[in-house]
Amino acid sequence: MLLTKHEGETFLNQTVYISGQAFIRCSFTACTLILRETLYHLQECTFERCNWHVDWVLMWGSPESLREIKALVNLIEQAQSQLPTAEQQAQEVQRQQPENTTPFAS
C-alpha cells in the first residue's frame, strides 16, 4: 500500500486522518487525529493538545496487535511528556515581562 507523504507540514485545529498517510517532521496542534486499522507512518512529529480517535481491533492472542497499540500509546506519552507544565508556563511568562513594571498605568 502506498502512503500519502506529508513532510514538514503544520496542522492546526484540524481533523487529520492518520491512516494511509506518512507524516515526517510534521507539527500537530489542537487537532483531532483519527487512526483506523491500516498502515501509517509517523516520524519526528510533534503533538500538542491533540485528541486521538483510535478505532483498532486487538486480536486475541496476537502479539503484533499488542505491539502496535503499545507503540501508539508510547508515542502519545512521549508527546505529552514534552509539554511544559503549568508552573513552567507561568515561569516563562514571568521571564518575558520587562523588569520594574507593574500592571497599573503610571
C-alpha atoms as a PDB file:
ATOM      1  CA  MET A   1       0.000   0.000   0.000  1.00  0.00           C
ATOM      2  CA  LEU A   2       1.341   3.421  -0.923  1.00  0.00           C
ATOM      3  CA  LEU A   3       1.134   6.120   1.729  1.00  0.00           C
ATOM      4  CA  THR A   4       0.456   9.774   1.026  1.00  0.00           C
ATOM      5  CA  LYS A   5       3.526  11.689   2.250  1.00  0.00           C
ATOM      6  CA  HIS A   6       3.391  14.904   4.273  1.00  0.00           C
ATOM      7  CA  GLU A   7       6.723  16.441   5.213  1.00  0.00           C
ATOM      8  CA  GLY A   8       7.330  19.492   7.401  1.00  0.00           C
ATOM      9  CA  GLU A   9       3.663  20.470   7.428  1.00  0.00           C
ATOM     10  CA  THR A  10       1.846  22.184  10.291  1.00  0.00           C
ATOM     11  CA  PHE A  11      -1.673  21.130  11.211  1.00  0.00           C
ATOM     12  CA  LEU A  12      -3.617  23.467  13.480  1.00  0.00           C
ATOM     13  CA  ASN A  13      -7.077  22.796  14.879  1.00  0.00           C
ATOM     14  CA  GLN A  14      -7.903  20.252  12.180  1.00  0.00           C
ATOM     15  CA  THR A  15      -9.261  16.748  11.956  1.00  0.00           C
ATOM     16  CA  VAL A  16      -6.468  14.669  10.439  1.00  0.00           C
ATOM     17  CA  TYR A  17      -6.816  11.099   9.225  1.00  0.00           C
ATOM     18  CA  ILE A  18      -3.514   9.428  10.098  1.00  0.00           C
ATOM     19  CA  SER A  19      -4.360   6.120   8.429  1.00  0.00           C
ATOM     20  CA  GLY A  20      -2.895   5.652   4.970  1.00  0.00           C
ATOM     21  CA  GLN A  21      -0.575   8.640   5.439  1.00  0.00           C
ATOM     22  CA  ALA A  22       3.108   9.196   6.181  1.00  0.00           C
ATOM     23  CA  PHE A  23       3.938  12.239   8.315  1.00  0.00           C
ATOM     24  CA  ILE A  24       7.578  13.280   8.597  1.00  0.00           C
ATOM     25  CA  ARG A  25       8.634  16.173  10.839  1.00  0.00           C
ATOM     26  CA  CYS A  26       5.080  17.492  10.977  1.00  0.00           C
ATOM     27  CA  SER A  27       3.552  19.533  13.769  1.00  0.00           C
ATOM     28  CA  PHE A  28       0.042  18.927  15.116  1.00  0.00           C
ATOM     29  CA  THR A  29      -1.571  21.443  17.477  1.00  0.00           C
ATOM     30  CA  ALA A  30      -5.084  21.130  18.905  1.00  0.00           C
ATOM     31  CA  CYS A  31      -6.006  18.533  16.284  1.00  0.00           C
ATOM     32  CA  THR A  32      -8.240  15.503  16.355  1.00  0.00           C
ATOM     33  CA  LEU A  33      -6.195  12.636  14.973  1.00  0.00           C
ATOM     34  CA  ILE A  34      -8.114   9.693  13.568  1.00  0.00           C
ATOM     35  CA  LEU A  35      -6.392   6.356  13.319  1.00  0.00           C
ATOM     36  CA  ARG A  36      -8.037   3.278  11.898  1.00  0.00           C
ATOM     37  CA  GLU A  37      -6.717  -0.177  11.186  1.00  0.00           C
ATOM     38  CA  THR A  38      -4.408   0.456   8.279  1.00  0.00           C
ATOM     39  CA  LEU A  39      -0.809   1.372   7.639  1.00  0.00           C
ATOM     40  CA  TYR A  40       0.557   4.734   8.730  1.00  0.00           C
ATOM     41  CA  HIS A  41       3.944   6.285   9.429  1.00  0.00           C
ATOM     42  CA  LEU A  42       4.851   8.994  11.952  1.00  0.00           C
ATOM     43  CA  GLN A  43       8.454  10.187  12.104  1.00  0.00           C
ATOM     44  CA  GLU A  44       9.844  13.040  14.204  1.00  0.00           C
ATOM     45  CA  CYS A  45       6.416  14.669  14.567  1.00  0.00           C
ATOM     46  CA  THR A  46       5.281  16.878  17.444  1.00  0.00           C
ATOM     47  CA  PHE A  47       1.843  16.814  19.048  1.00  0.00           C
ATOM     48  CA  GLU A  48       0.374  19.461  21.316  1.00  0.00           C
ATOM     49  CA  ARG A  49      -3.115  19.287  22.845  1.00  0.00           C
ATOM     50  CA  CYS A  50      -4.301  16.705  20.308  1.00  0.00           C
ATOM     51  CA  ASN A  51      -7.113  14.252  20.826  1.00  0.00           C
ATOM     52  CA  TRP A  52      -6.792  10.774  19.389  1.00  0.00           C
ATOM     53  CA  HIS A  53      -9.681   8.762  17.968  1.00  0.00           C
ATOM     54  CA  VAL A  54      -8.397   5.200  17.655  1.00  0.00           C
ATOM     55  CA  ASP A  55     -10.518   2.507  16.020  1.00  0.00           C
ATOM     56  CA  TRP A  56      -8.486  -0.668  16.283  1.00  0.00           C
ATOM     57  CA  VAL A  57      -9.344  -4.333  16.700  1.00  0.00           C
ATOM     58  CA  LEU A  58      -6.918  -6.108  19.007  1.00  0.00           C
ATOM     59  CA  MET A  59      -6.962  -9.749  18.030  1.00  0.00           C
ATOM     60  CA  TRP A  60      -6.917 -12.215  20.892  1.00  0.00           C
ATOM     61  CA  GLY A  61      -3.582 -13.968  21.099  1.00  0.00           C
ATOM     62  CA  SER A  62      -1.912 -11.628  18.594  1.00  0.00           C
ATOM     63  CA  PRO A  63       1.394 -10.239  19.890  1.00  0.00           C
ATOM     64  CA  GLU A  64       1.569  -7.994  16.810  1.00  0.00           C
ATOM     65  CA  SER A  65      -1.711  -6.265  17.741  1.00  0.00           C
ATOM     66  CA  LEU A  66      -0.402  -5.589  21.228  1.00  0.00           C
ATOM     67  CA  ARG A  67       2.947  -4.274  19.934  1.00  0.00           C
ATOM     68  CA  GLU A  68       1.189  -1.850  17.587  1.00  0.00           C
ATOM     69  CA  ILE A  69      -1.137  -0.405  20.226  1.00  0.00           C
ATOM     70  CA  LYS A  70       1.719  -0.163  22.760  1.00  0.00           C
ATOM     71  CA  ALA A  71       3.831   1.722  20.210  1.00  0.00           C
ATOM     72  CA  LEU A  72       0.981   4.195  19.696  1.00  0.00           C
ATOM     73  CA  VAL A  73       0.495   4.686  23.449  1.00  0.00           C
ATOM     74  CA  ASN A  74       4.254   5.250  23.848  1.00  0.00           C
ATOM     75  CA  LEU A  75       4.153   7.883  21.099  1.00  0.00           C
ATOM     76  CA  ILE A  76       1.310   9.712  22.834  1.00  0.00           C
ATOM     77  CA  GLU A  77       3.079   9.517  26.219  1.00  0.00           C
ATOM     78  CA  GLN A  78       6.286  10.929  24.711  1.00  0.00           C
ATOM     79  CA  ALA A  79       4.369  13.819  23.155  1.00  0.00           C
ATOM     80  CA  GLN A  80       2.688  14.648  26.460  1.00  0.00           C
ATOM     81  CA  SER A  81       5.933  14.464  28.420  1.00  0.00           C
ATOM     82  CA  GLN A  82       7.413  17.140  26.140  1.00  0.00           C
ATOM     83  CA  LEU A  83       4.709  19.652  27.045  1.00  0.00           C
ATOM     84  CA  PRO A  84       5.628  22.244  29.660  1.00  0.00           C
ATOM     85  CA  THR A  85       3.756  22.061  32.975  1.00  0.00           C
ATOM     86  CA  ALA A  86       1.530  24.928  34.103  1.00  0.00           C
ATOM     87  CA  GLU A  87       4.289  26.010  36.505  1.00  0.00           C
ATOM     88  CA  GLN A  88       6.880  26.081  33.701  1.00  0.00           C
ATOM     89  CA  GLN A  89       4.494  28.124  31.540  1.00  0.00           C
ATOM     90  CA  ALA A  90       3.974  30.667  34.362  1.00  0.00           C
ATOM     91  CA  GLN A  91       7.737  30.978  34.838  1.00  0.00           C
ATOM     92  CA  GLU A  92       8.195  31.596  31.109  1.00  0.00           C
ATOM     93  CA  VAL A  93       5.564  34.364  31.178  1.00  0.00           C
ATOM     94  CA  GLN A  94       7.381  35.988  34.104  1.00  0.00           C
ATOM     95  CA  ARG A  95      10.719  35.838  32.255  1.00  0.00           C
ATOM     96  CA  GLN A  96       9.195  37.550  29.230  1.00  0.00           C
ATOM     97  CA  GLN A  97       7.839  40.502  31.242  1.00  0.00           C
ATOM     98  CA  PRO A  98      10.140  43.531  31.447  1.00  0.00           C
ATOM     99  CA  GLU A  99      11.606  44.195  34.896  1.00  0.00           C
ATOM    100  CA  ASN A 100      10.329  47.015  37.120  1.00  0.00           C
ATOM    101  CA  THR A 101       6.888  47.083  35.552  1.00  0.00           C
ATOM    102  CA  THR A 102       3.538  46.983  37.230  1.00  0.00           C
ATOM    103  CA  PRO A 103       0.169  46.076  35.777  1.00  0.00           C
ATOM    104  CA  PHE A 104      -1.005  49.624  36.603  1.00  0.00           C
ATOM    105  CA  ALA A 105      -0.550  52.697  34.449  1.00  0.00           C
ATOM    106  CA  SER A 106       1.800  55.392  35.789  1.00  0.00           C
END
